[in-house]
Amino acid sequence: MSTIHPFHLAFPVSSLEKARSFYGGLLGCPEGRSSNEWVDFNLFGHQIVAHLAPGETAAGRAGATSPVDGHDVPVRHFGVVLPMPEWQALADRLTAAGVKFVIEPHIRFKGQVGEQATMFFFDPCGNALEFKAFSDIGRLFAK
């Protein structure tokens, strides 16, 4: 695999306090630069930026879904592929915190080349997140 370069993702939130509590507190993302309108977070080495834009958030709106392995996956989502032990620790932390999962932590595509652990949940502003893990990261793009 080639060197992974950090990605940058900007997304809307209805409250910077909620974003700080969720991303900084619950997910443990260190905070970077900020203003009264946005906050940078380090999401496992990637730069995500929560922009205050209440009218653009998905909270309360049903978004499009796509069927994947028997589940309705939110089409608009982001997240990180973690090593399996980190994924399990995050799943345990989210479960203990009472996070309501859209798709509970589980293994999908069992026995297939794309077998992976996955979980989906929403942040407090309605942004869908997926975190996944592979027992063999070399299978990330395998067909």
N, C-alpha and C. Protein backbone atom coordinates (compact mmCIF):
# COMPACT_ATOMS: atom_id res chain seq x y z
N MET A 1 0.83 -1.18 0.00
CA MET A 1 0.00 0.00 0.00
C MET A 1 0.88 1.25 0.00
N SER A 2 0.46 2.26 -0.68
CA SER A 2 1.21 3.51 -0.71
C SER A 2 1.00 4.30 0.58
N THR A 3 1.77 5.36 0.71
CA THR A 3 1.64 6.24 1.87
C THR A 3 0.25 6.86 1.89
N ILE A 4 -0.37 6.85 3.04
CA ILE A 4 -1.69 7.46 3.20
C ILE A 4 -1.50 8.93 3.55
N HIS A 5 -2.12 9.80 2.78
CA HIS A 5 -2.08 11.22 3.04
C HIS A 5 -3.35 11.64 3.77
N PRO A 6 -3.24 12.52 4.74
CA PRO A 6 -4.44 12.95 5.46
C PRO A 6 -5.46 13.60 4.53
N PHE A 7 -6.72 13.26 4.73
CA PHE A 7 -7.75 13.94 3.96
C PHE A 7 -8.28 15.10 4.78
N HIS A 8 -9.01 15.98 4.09
CA HIS A 8 -9.64 17.15 4.71
C HIS A 8 -11.12 17.08 4.37
N LEU A 9 -11.96 17.20 5.36
CA LEU A 9 -13.40 17.17 5.15
C LEU A 9 -14.04 18.27 5.97
N ALA A 10 -14.84 19.11 5.33
CA ALA A 10 -15.61 20.15 6.02
C ALA A 10 -17.08 19.74 6.00
N PHE A 11 -17.78 19.96 7.11
CA PHE A 11 -19.18 19.55 7.20
C PHE A 11 -19.93 20.52 8.10
N PRO A 12 -21.25 20.61 7.93
CA PRO A 12 -22.04 21.56 8.72
C PRO A 12 -22.44 21.00 10.08
N VAL A 13 -22.51 21.90 11.05
CA VAL A 13 -23.04 21.56 12.37
C VAL A 13 -23.98 22.67 12.81
N SER A 14 -24.90 22.32 13.69
CA SER A 14 -25.84 23.31 14.20
C SER A 14 -25.32 23.98 15.46
N SER A 15 -24.27 23.41 16.06
CA SER A 15 -23.73 23.93 17.31
C SER A 15 -22.26 23.53 17.44
N LEU A 16 -21.40 24.51 17.64
CA LEU A 16 -19.98 24.19 17.85
C LEU A 16 -19.78 23.51 19.20
N GLU A 17 -20.61 23.84 20.20
CA GLU A 17 -20.51 23.18 21.50
C GLU A 17 -20.83 21.69 21.37
N LYS A 18 -21.88 21.36 20.61
CA LYS A 18 -22.21 19.95 20.39
C LYS A 18 -21.10 19.24 19.63
N ALA A 19 -20.53 19.92 18.64
CA ALA A 19 -19.43 19.33 17.87
C ALA A 19 -18.23 19.07 18.77
N ARG A 20 -17.89 20.04 19.61
CA ARG A 20 -16.75 19.86 20.52
C ARG A 20 -17.00 18.70 21.50
N SER A 21 -18.20 18.62 22.02
CA SER A 21 -18.53 17.55 22.96
C SER A 21 -18.46 16.18 22.28
N PHE A 22 -19.01 16.09 21.08
CA PHE A 22 -19.07 14.81 20.38
C PHE A 22 -17.70 14.40 19.80
N TYR A 23 -17.13 15.26 18.97
CA TYR A 23 -15.87 14.91 18.31
C TYR A 23 -14.69 14.99 19.27
N GLY A 24 -14.63 16.05 20.06
CA GLY A 24 -13.52 16.21 20.99
C GLY A 24 -13.66 15.32 22.21
N GLY A 25 -14.87 15.27 22.77
CA GLY A 25 -15.10 14.50 23.99
C GLY A 25 -15.29 13.02 23.74
N LEU A 26 -16.40 12.66 23.11
CA LEU A 26 -16.76 11.26 22.93
C LEU A 26 -15.79 10.52 22.01
N LEU A 27 -15.48 11.10 20.84
CA LEU A 27 -14.59 10.42 19.91
C LEU A 27 -13.11 10.63 20.24
N GLY A 28 -12.80 11.61 21.09
CA GLY A 28 -11.42 11.82 21.49
C GLY A 28 -10.55 12.49 20.44
N CYS A 29 -11.16 13.28 19.56
CA CYS A 29 -10.41 13.96 18.51
C CYS A 29 -9.80 15.26 19.06
N PRO A 30 -8.48 15.39 19.03
CA PRO A 30 -7.88 16.65 19.49
C PRO A 30 -8.35 17.82 18.64
N GLU A 31 -8.57 18.94 19.31
CA GLU A 31 -9.01 20.15 18.61
C GLU A 31 -7.80 20.91 18.09
N GLY A 32 -7.94 21.44 16.89
CA GLY A 32 -6.90 22.28 16.30
C GLY A 32 -7.34 23.73 16.33
N ARG A 33 -7.15 24.41 15.22
CA ARG A 33 -7.54 25.82 15.13
C ARG A 33 -9.06 25.94 15.19
N SER A 34 -9.51 27.15 15.54
CA SER A 34 -10.96 27.38 15.58
C SER A 34 -11.24 28.87 15.49
N SER A 35 -12.50 29.17 15.24
CA SER A 35 -13.00 30.54 15.29
C SER A 35 -14.40 30.46 15.88
N ASN A 36 -15.14 31.55 15.81
CA ASN A 36 -16.53 31.52 16.26
C ASN A 36 -17.43 30.81 15.27
N GLU A 37 -16.90 30.45 14.10
CA GLU A 37 -17.69 29.85 13.02
C GLU A 37 -17.29 28.43 12.67
N TRP A 38 -16.12 27.95 13.11
CA TRP A 38 -15.66 26.62 12.74
C TRP A 38 -14.65 26.09 13.75
N VAL A 39 -14.47 24.76 13.74
CA VAL A 39 -13.50 24.09 14.60
C VAL A 39 -12.83 22.97 13.81
N ASP A 40 -11.50 22.93 13.84
CA ASP A 40 -10.74 21.81 13.26
C ASP A 40 -10.61 20.70 14.30
N PHE A 41 -10.72 19.46 13.84
CA PHE A 41 -10.46 18.30 14.70
C PHE A 41 -9.52 17.35 13.99
N ASN A 42 -8.72 16.64 14.77
CA ASN A 42 -7.84 15.61 14.24
C ASN A 42 -8.56 14.28 14.42
N LEU A 43 -9.13 13.77 13.34
CA LEU A 43 -9.86 12.50 13.35
C LEU A 43 -8.91 11.40 12.88
N PHE A 44 -8.18 10.81 13.82
CA PHE A 44 -7.24 9.74 13.52
C PHE A 44 -6.24 10.15 12.44
N GLY A 45 -5.73 11.38 12.55
CA GLY A 45 -4.73 11.87 11.61
C GLY A 45 -5.29 12.61 10.41
N HIS A 46 -6.60 12.74 10.33
CA HIS A 46 -7.24 13.44 9.22
C HIS A 46 -7.88 14.71 9.74
N GLN A 47 -7.90 15.74 8.91
CA GLN A 47 -8.45 17.04 9.33
C GLN A 47 -9.92 17.13 8.95
N ILE A 48 -10.75 17.21 9.96
CA ILE A 48 -12.17 17.46 9.71
C ILE A 48 -12.50 18.83 10.31
N VAL A 49 -13.39 19.54 9.65
CA VAL A 49 -13.71 20.89 10.10
C VAL A 49 -15.23 21.03 10.23
N ALA A 50 -15.67 21.27 11.46
CA ALA A 50 -17.08 21.49 11.74
C ALA A 50 -17.37 22.97 11.53
N HIS A 51 -18.19 23.28 10.52
CA HIS A 51 -18.57 24.66 10.22
C HIS A 51 -19.97 24.93 10.75
N LEU A 52 -20.13 26.03 11.48
CA LEU A 52 -21.43 26.40 12.01
C LEU A 52 -22.32 26.83 10.84
N ALA A 53 -23.30 25.98 10.53
CA ALA A 53 -24.23 26.23 9.42
C ALA A 53 -25.53 25.49 9.73
N PRO A 54 -26.31 25.97 10.71
CA PRO A 54 -27.50 25.26 11.16
C PRO A 54 -28.48 24.90 10.04
N GLY A 55 -28.62 25.76 9.04
CA GLY A 55 -29.56 25.49 7.96
C GLY A 55 -29.11 24.38 7.02
N GLU A 56 -27.85 23.98 7.13
CA GLU A 56 -27.30 22.95 6.24
C GLU A 56 -27.19 21.59 6.90
N THR A 57 -27.52 21.49 8.18
CA THR A 57 -27.36 20.22 8.87
C THR A 57 -28.48 19.27 8.51
N ALA A 58 -28.20 17.99 8.70
CA ALA A 58 -29.16 16.95 8.35
C ALA A 58 -30.05 16.55 9.51
N ALA A 59 -29.87 17.17 10.68
CA ALA A 59 -30.65 16.80 11.85
C ALA A 59 -32.14 16.89 11.57
N GLY A 60 -32.83 15.81 11.83
CA GLY A 60 -34.28 15.80 11.64
C GLY A 60 -34.72 15.52 10.21
N ARG A 61 -33.78 15.41 9.28
CA ARG A 61 -34.14 15.11 7.89
C ARG A 61 -33.76 13.68 7.56
N ALA A 62 -34.64 12.99 6.90
CA ALA A 62 -34.33 11.63 6.45
C ALA A 62 -33.47 11.74 5.20
N GLY A 63 -32.29 11.15 5.24
CA GLY A 63 -31.41 11.17 4.09
C GLY A 63 -31.57 9.89 3.28
N ALA A 64 -31.01 9.92 2.09
CA ALA A 64 -31.05 8.75 1.22
C ALA A 64 -30.24 7.61 1.83
N THR A 65 -30.71 6.40 1.61
CA THR A 65 -30.00 5.21 2.05
C THR A 65 -29.76 4.30 0.86
N SER A 66 -28.84 3.38 1.03
CA SER A 66 -28.50 2.41 -0.01
C SER A 66 -28.41 1.04 0.66
N PRO A 67 -29.00 0.01 0.06
CA PRO A 67 -28.93 -1.31 0.68
C PRO A 67 -27.52 -1.91 0.56
N VAL A 68 -26.96 -2.31 1.71
CA VAL A 68 -25.64 -2.95 1.74
C VAL A 68 -25.72 -4.11 2.73
N ASP A 69 -25.56 -5.30 2.24
CA ASP A 69 -25.52 -6.50 3.08
C ASP A 69 -26.68 -6.55 4.08
N GLY A 70 -27.89 -6.24 3.60
CA GLY A 70 -29.08 -6.34 4.43
C GLY A 70 -29.37 -5.14 5.32
N HIS A 71 -28.62 -4.06 5.19
CA HIS A 71 -28.86 -2.86 5.98
C HIS A 71 -29.06 -1.65 5.07
N ASP A 72 -29.80 -0.67 5.57
CA ASP A 72 -29.96 0.60 4.85
C ASP A 72 -28.88 1.56 5.32
N VAL A 73 -27.86 1.70 4.50
CA VAL A 73 -26.70 2.53 4.83
C VAL A 73 -26.97 3.98 4.43
N PRO A 74 -26.75 4.94 5.33
CA PRO A 74 -26.88 6.35 4.94
C PRO A 74 -25.90 6.66 3.80
N VAL A 75 -26.42 7.20 2.70
CA VAL A 75 -25.57 7.46 1.55
C VAL A 75 -24.48 8.49 1.90
N ARG A 76 -24.87 9.59 2.51
CA ARG A 76 -23.89 10.60 2.90
C ARG A 76 -23.35 10.24 4.28
N HIS A 77 -22.09 9.85 4.30
CA HIS A 77 -21.44 9.53 5.57
C HIS A 77 -19.93 9.63 5.40
N PHE A 78 -19.23 9.69 6.52
CA PHE A 78 -17.78 9.65 6.51
C PHE A 78 -17.30 8.93 7.75
N GLY A 79 -16.04 8.59 7.77
CA GLY A 79 -15.47 7.88 8.91
C GLY A 79 -14.06 7.45 8.62
N VAL A 80 -13.59 6.48 9.38
CA VAL A 80 -12.21 6.03 9.27
C VAL A 80 -12.18 4.50 9.33
N VAL A 81 -11.23 3.93 8.61
CA VAL A 81 -10.95 2.50 8.71
C VAL A 81 -9.87 2.36 9.79
N LEU A 82 -10.22 1.69 10.86
CA LEU A 82 -9.32 1.53 12.01
C LEU A 82 -8.76 0.11 12.08
N PRO A 83 -7.65 -0.07 12.79
CA PRO A 83 -7.23 -1.43 13.12
C PRO A 83 -8.31 -2.08 13.99
N MET A 84 -8.49 -3.37 13.88
CA MET A 84 -9.57 -4.07 14.57
C MET A 84 -9.61 -3.79 16.08
N PRO A 85 -8.48 -3.81 16.81
CA PRO A 85 -8.58 -3.53 18.26
C PRO A 85 -9.07 -2.10 18.55
N GLU A 86 -8.66 -1.12 17.74
CA GLU A 86 -9.14 0.26 17.94
C GLU A 86 -10.62 0.37 17.62
N TRP A 87 -11.05 -0.33 16.57
CA TRP A 87 -12.47 -0.33 16.20
C TRP A 87 -13.30 -0.89 17.35
N GLN A 88 -12.86 -2.02 17.91
CA GLN A 88 -13.61 -2.65 19.00
C GLN A 88 -13.65 -1.74 20.22
N ALA A 89 -12.53 -1.09 20.54
CA ALA A 89 -12.49 -0.18 21.68
C ALA A 89 -13.46 0.99 21.47
N LEU A 90 -13.51 1.52 20.24
CA LEU A 90 -14.44 2.61 19.93
C LEU A 90 -15.88 2.12 20.03
N ALA A 91 -16.17 0.95 19.48
CA ALA A 91 -17.53 0.40 19.56
C ALA A 91 -17.94 0.23 21.02
N ASP A 92 -17.04 -0.27 21.84
CA ASP A 92 -17.34 -0.45 23.27
C ASP A 92 -17.58 0.89 23.95
N ARG A 93 -16.75 1.91 23.64
CA ARG A 93 -16.90 3.23 24.25
C ARG A 93 -18.23 3.87 23.84
N LEU A 94 -18.59 3.77 22.56
CA LEU A 94 -19.85 4.35 22.08
C LEU A 94 -21.05 3.63 22.70
N THR A 95 -20.97 2.32 22.80
CA THR A 95 -22.05 1.54 23.41
C THR A 95 -22.21 1.94 24.88
N ALA A 96 -21.11 2.04 25.60
CA ALA A 96 -21.16 2.42 27.02
C ALA A 96 -21.71 3.83 27.20
N ALA A 97 -21.47 4.70 26.21
CA ALA A 97 -21.96 6.09 26.29
C ALA A 97 -23.43 6.19 25.88
N GLY A 98 -24.02 5.09 25.45
CA GLY A 98 -25.43 5.10 25.07
C GLY A 98 -25.71 5.67 23.69
N VAL A 99 -24.71 5.67 22.81
CA VAL A 99 -24.92 6.16 21.45
C VAL A 99 -25.94 5.27 20.75
N LYS A 100 -26.89 5.90 20.07
CA LYS A 100 -27.90 5.17 19.31
C LYS A 100 -27.31 4.88 17.92
N PHE A 101 -27.12 3.63 17.63
CA PHE A 101 -26.55 3.23 16.34
C PHE A 101 -27.63 3.16 15.27
N VAL A 102 -27.31 3.61 14.08
CA VAL A 102 -28.16 3.40 12.91
C VAL A 102 -27.99 1.96 12.48
N ILE A 103 -26.74 1.50 12.48
CA ILE A 103 -26.39 0.11 12.23
C ILE A 103 -25.44 -0.30 13.34
N GLU A 104 -25.87 -1.24 14.17
CA GLU A 104 -25.09 -1.70 15.32
C GLU A 104 -23.73 -2.25 14.88
N PRO A 105 -22.73 -2.18 15.74
CA PRO A 105 -21.44 -2.78 15.42
C PRO A 105 -21.61 -4.27 15.11
N HIS A 106 -21.08 -4.68 13.97
CA HIS A 106 -21.17 -6.08 13.56
C HIS A 106 -20.17 -6.35 12.43
N ILE A 107 -20.09 -7.61 12.02
CA ILE A 107 -19.26 -8.02 10.89
C ILE A 107 -20.17 -8.20 9.68
N ARG A 108 -19.84 -7.51 8.59
CA ARG A 108 -20.63 -7.68 7.36
C ARG A 108 -19.78 -8.37 6.30
N PHE A 109 -20.46 -8.89 5.31
CA PHE A 109 -19.83 -9.66 4.23
C PHE A 109 -19.05 -10.85 4.79
N LYS A 110 -19.63 -11.50 5.81
CA LYS A 110 -18.95 -12.63 6.46
C LYS A 110 -18.54 -13.68 5.43
N GLY A 111 -17.28 -14.11 5.54
CA GLY A 111 -16.75 -15.15 4.68
C GLY A 111 -16.42 -14.70 3.27
N GLN A 112 -16.64 -13.42 2.98
CA GLN A 112 -16.35 -12.90 1.65
C GLN A 112 -15.05 -12.10 1.68
N VAL A 113 -14.54 -11.79 0.49
CA VAL A 113 -13.28 -11.06 0.40
C VAL A 113 -13.34 -9.70 1.10
N GLY A 114 -14.50 -9.09 1.16
CA GLY A 114 -14.65 -7.77 1.78
C GLY A 114 -15.11 -7.81 3.22
N GLU A 115 -14.95 -8.96 3.91
CA GLU A 115 -15.41 -9.06 5.30
C GLU A 115 -14.81 -7.93 6.14
N GLN A 116 -15.69 -7.27 6.91
CA GLN A 116 -15.26 -6.11 7.68
C GLN A 116 -16.17 -5.88 8.88
N ALA A 117 -15.61 -5.28 9.90
CA ALA A 117 -16.41 -4.81 11.03
C ALA A 117 -16.89 -3.41 10.67
N THR A 118 -18.12 -3.11 11.02
CA THR A 118 -18.67 -1.79 10.69
C THR A 118 -19.68 -1.35 11.75
N MET A 119 -19.88 -0.05 11.83
CA MET A 119 -20.93 0.53 12.66
C MET A 119 -21.26 1.91 12.11
N PHE A 120 -22.52 2.29 12.20
CA PHE A 120 -22.99 3.59 11.74
C PHE A 120 -23.74 4.28 12.86
N PHE A 121 -23.53 5.59 12.98
CA PHE A 121 -24.25 6.40 13.96
C PHE A 121 -24.22 7.84 13.48
N PHE A 122 -25.06 8.67 14.09
CA PHE A 122 -25.13 10.09 13.74
C PHE A 122 -24.49 10.93 14.83
N ASP A 123 -23.86 12.04 14.43
CA ASP A 123 -23.42 13.02 15.43
C ASP A 123 -24.66 13.81 15.86
N PRO A 124 -24.56 14.68 16.86
CA PRO A 124 -25.74 15.40 17.34
C PRO A 124 -26.35 16.37 16.33
N CYS A 125 -25.63 16.63 15.24
CA CYS A 125 -26.13 17.55 14.21
C CYS A 125 -26.65 16.83 12.98
N GLY A 126 -26.72 15.51 13.04
CA GLY A 126 -27.30 14.74 11.95
C GLY A 126 -26.33 14.25 10.89
N ASN A 127 -25.03 14.38 11.11
CA ASN A 127 -24.04 13.86 10.16
C ASN A 127 -23.81 12.38 10.45
N ALA A 128 -23.92 11.55 9.41
CA ALA A 128 -23.74 10.11 9.56
C ALA A 128 -22.25 9.76 9.51
N LEU A 129 -21.84 8.88 10.41
CA LEU A 129 -20.46 8.40 10.45
C LEU A 129 -20.44 6.89 10.38
N GLU A 130 -19.43 6.37 9.70
CA GLU A 130 -19.17 4.93 9.67
C GLU A 130 -17.72 4.71 10.08
N PHE A 131 -17.52 3.81 11.00
CA PHE A 131 -16.18 3.35 11.33
C PHE A 131 -16.14 1.88 11.01
N LYS A 132 -15.05 1.46 10.37
CA LYS A 132 -14.93 0.06 9.98
C LYS A 132 -13.53 -0.43 10.25
N ALA A 133 -13.35 -1.75 10.17
CA ALA A 133 -12.06 -2.38 10.36
C ALA A 133 -12.03 -3.68 9.57
N PHE A 134 -10.84 -4.05 9.15
CA PHE A 134 -10.61 -5.31 8.45
C PHE A 134 -9.62 -6.13 9.25
N SER A 135 -9.84 -7.43 9.31
CA SER A 135 -8.84 -8.30 9.94
C SER A 135 -7.56 -8.26 9.13
N ASP A 136 -7.70 -8.11 7.80
CA ASP A 136 -6.56 -8.00 6.88
C ASP A 136 -6.74 -6.73 6.07
N ILE A 137 -6.05 -5.64 6.47
CA ILE A 137 -6.19 -4.34 5.80
C ILE A 137 -5.83 -4.44 4.32
N GLY A 138 -5.08 -5.43 3.93
CA GLY A 138 -4.74 -5.63 2.52
C GLY A 138 -5.98 -5.94 1.67
N ARG A 139 -7.08 -6.25 2.31
CA ARG A 139 -8.33 -6.55 1.59
C ARG A 139 -9.23 -5.32 1.46
N LEU A 140 -8.76 -4.15 1.85
CA LEU A 140 -9.57 -2.94 1.81
C LEU A 140 -10.17 -2.69 0.43
N PHE A 141 -9.39 -2.88 -0.62
CA PHE A 141 -9.88 -2.65 -1.98
C PHE A 141 -10.00 -3.92 -2.80
N ALA A 142 -9.93 -5.07 -2.15
CA ALA A 142 -10.00 -6.35 -2.86
C ALA A 142 -11.37 -6.55 -3.48
N LYS A 143 -11.39 -7.16 -4.65
CA LYS A 143 -12.65 -7.44 -5.36
C LYS A 143 -13.07 -8.88 -5.13
